[in-house]
Amino acid sequence: MNIRHTGVSEIKEIVQALEEEGYTNIFTWCDEAGSFYDWHTHPYQEVRWIYKGEIVMGTEEGEFVLKEGDRIDLQ
């Protein structure tokens, strides 16, 4: 897990940065306030880049509040 405070919150800039890193399956979504996903993992690298609002991410290392411009890379 790697958290970065990029300061970048414009979708076009985020997509460009991810494409330059080789990501091709890029999409955006929005959940209602208070949404909850039970603990789970994925068999692939996952990047979450917050472009609006904030999210609480639960990881094996604890909970982290990510805000606009923050990025978390998960394995």
C-alpha atoms as a PDB file:
ATOM      1  CA  MET A   1       0.000   0.000   0.000  1.00  0.00           C
ATOM      2  CA  ASN A   2       1.209   3.453  -0.883  1.00  0.00           C
ATOM      3  CA  ILE A   3      -0.602   6.731  -0.134  1.00  0.00           C
ATOM      4  CA  ARG A   4       0.382   9.943  -1.904  1.00  0.00           C
ATOM      5  CA  HIS A   5      -0.983  13.431  -1.441  1.00  0.00           C
ATOM      6  CA  THR A   6      -0.685  14.502  -5.090  1.00  0.00           C
ATOM      7  CA  GLY A   7      -2.757  17.684  -4.973  1.00  0.00           C
ATOM      8  CA  VAL A   8      -4.152  16.694  -8.404  1.00  0.00           C
ATOM      9  CA  SER A   9      -7.953  16.536  -8.499  1.00  0.00           C
ATOM     10  CA  GLU A  10      -8.794  17.305 -12.136  1.00  0.00           C
ATOM     11  CA  ILE A  11     -10.053  14.159 -13.858  1.00  0.00           C
ATOM     12  CA  LYS A  12      -8.225  14.880 -17.137  1.00  0.00           C
ATOM     13  CA  GLU A  13      -4.901  15.203 -15.302  1.00  0.00           C
ATOM     14  CA  ILE A  14      -5.532  12.052 -13.267  1.00  0.00           C
ATOM     15  CA  VAL A  15      -6.408   9.991 -16.348  1.00  0.00           C
ATOM     16  CA  GLN A  16      -3.362  11.308 -18.206  1.00  0.00           C
ATOM     17  CA  ALA A  17      -1.048  10.421 -15.305  1.00  0.00           C
ATOM     18  CA  LEU A  18      -2.504   6.911 -15.008  1.00  0.00           C
ATOM     19  CA  GLU A  19      -2.301   6.311 -18.760  1.00  0.00           C
ATOM     20  CA  GLU A  20       1.354   7.394 -18.707  1.00  0.00           C
ATOM     21  CA  GLU A  21       1.915   4.714 -16.039  1.00  0.00           C
ATOM     22  CA  GLY A  22       0.346   2.118 -18.339  1.00  0.00           C
ATOM     23  CA  TYR A  23      -3.126   1.817 -16.823  1.00  0.00           C
ATOM     24  CA  THR A  24      -5.871   1.152 -19.377  1.00  0.00           C
ATOM     25  CA  ASN A  25      -8.950   0.186 -17.323  1.00  0.00           C
ATOM     26  CA  ILE A  26      -9.681   3.632 -15.871  1.00  0.00           C
ATOM     27  CA  PHE A  27     -13.135   4.669 -14.704  1.00  0.00           C
ATOM     28  CA  THR A  28     -14.813   6.974 -12.191  1.00  0.00           C
ATOM     29  CA  TRP A  29     -17.673   6.396  -9.802  1.00  0.00           C
ATOM     30  CA  CYS A  30     -19.462   8.074  -6.926  1.00  0.00           C
ATOM     31  CA  ASP A  31     -21.019   6.519  -3.852  1.00  0.00           C
ATOM     32  CA  GLU A  32     -23.576   8.052  -1.539  1.00  0.00           C
ATOM     33  CA  ALA A  33     -22.300   9.380   1.784  1.00  0.00           C
ATOM     34  CA  GLY A  34     -21.975   6.574   4.307  1.00  0.00           C
ATOM     35  CA  SER A  35     -21.561   3.810   1.719  1.00  0.00           C
ATOM     36  CA  PHE A  36     -19.731   0.767   3.065  1.00  0.00           C
ATOM     37  CA  TYR A  37     -17.893  -2.080   1.372  1.00  0.00           C
ATOM     38  CA  ASP A  38     -16.957  -5.074   3.478  1.00  0.00           C
ATOM     39  CA  TRP A  39     -13.271  -6.013   3.726  1.00  0.00           C
ATOM     40  CA  HIS A  40     -12.051  -7.592   0.494  1.00  0.00           C
ATOM     41  CA  THR A  41      -9.029  -7.893  -1.762  1.00  0.00           C
ATOM     42  CA  HIS A  42      -8.392  -7.963  -5.492  1.00  0.00           C
ATOM     43  CA  PRO A  43      -5.940 -10.162  -7.415  1.00  0.00           C
ATOM     44  CA  TYR A  44      -4.601  -7.120  -9.269  1.00  0.00           C
ATOM     45  CA  GLN A  45      -3.053  -3.713  -8.621  1.00  0.00           C
ATOM     46  CA  GLU A  46      -5.730  -1.148  -7.777  1.00  0.00           C
ATOM     47  CA  VAL A  47      -5.411   2.633  -7.672  1.00  0.00           C
ATOM     48  CA  ARG A  48      -7.945   4.935  -6.063  1.00  0.00           C
ATOM     49  CA  TRP A  49      -7.448   8.632  -6.738  1.00  0.00           C
ATOM     50  CA  ILE A  50      -9.876  10.953  -4.995  1.00  0.00           C
ATOM     51  CA  TYR A  51     -10.985  13.791  -7.260  1.00  0.00           C
ATOM     52  CA  LYS A  52     -13.917  15.046  -5.176  1.00  0.00           C
ATOM     53  CA  GLY A  53     -14.980  14.580  -1.561  1.00  0.00           C
ATOM     54  CA  GLU A  54     -13.309  12.047   0.698  1.00  0.00           C
ATOM     55  CA  ILE A  55     -13.304   8.342   1.495  1.00  0.00           C
ATOM     56  CA  VAL A  56     -12.342   6.226   4.495  1.00  0.00           C
ATOM     57  CA  MET A  57     -10.245   3.282   3.322  1.00  0.00           C
ATOM     58  CA  GLY A  58      -9.872   0.287   5.604  1.00  0.00           C
ATOM     59  CA  THR A  59      -6.681  -1.668   5.039  1.00  0.00           C
ATOM     60  CA  GLU A  60      -4.680  -4.289   6.906  1.00  0.00           C
ATOM     61  CA  GLU A  61      -2.671  -1.355   8.246  1.00  0.00           C
ATOM     62  CA  GLY A  62      -5.702   0.513   9.602  1.00  0.00           C
ATOM     63  CA  GLU A  63      -8.167   3.129   8.371  1.00  0.00           C
ATOM     64  CA  PHE A  64      -7.101   6.147   6.353  1.00  0.00           C
ATOM     65  CA  VAL A  65      -9.111   9.209   5.342  1.00  0.00           C
ATOM     66  CA  LEU A  66      -8.320  10.178   1.763  1.00  0.00           C
ATOM     67  CA  LYS A  67      -9.328  13.602   0.460  1.00  0.00           C
ATOM     68  CA  GLU A  68      -9.300  15.402  -2.890  1.00  0.00           C
ATOM     69  CA  GLY A  69      -5.971  14.901  -4.636  1.00  0.00           C
ATOM     70  CA  ASP A  70      -4.984  11.856  -2.556  1.00  0.00           C
ATOM     71  CA  ARG A  71      -4.030   8.586  -4.218  1.00  0.00           C
ATOM     72  CA  ILE A  72      -3.759   5.102  -2.760  1.00  0.00           C
ATOM     73  CA  ASP A  73      -2.122   2.183  -4.585  1.00  0.00           C
ATOM     74  CA  LEU A  74      -3.273  -1.215  -3.321  1.00  0.00           C
ATOM     75  CA  GLN A  75      -1.976  -4.680  -4.136  1.00  0.00           C
END
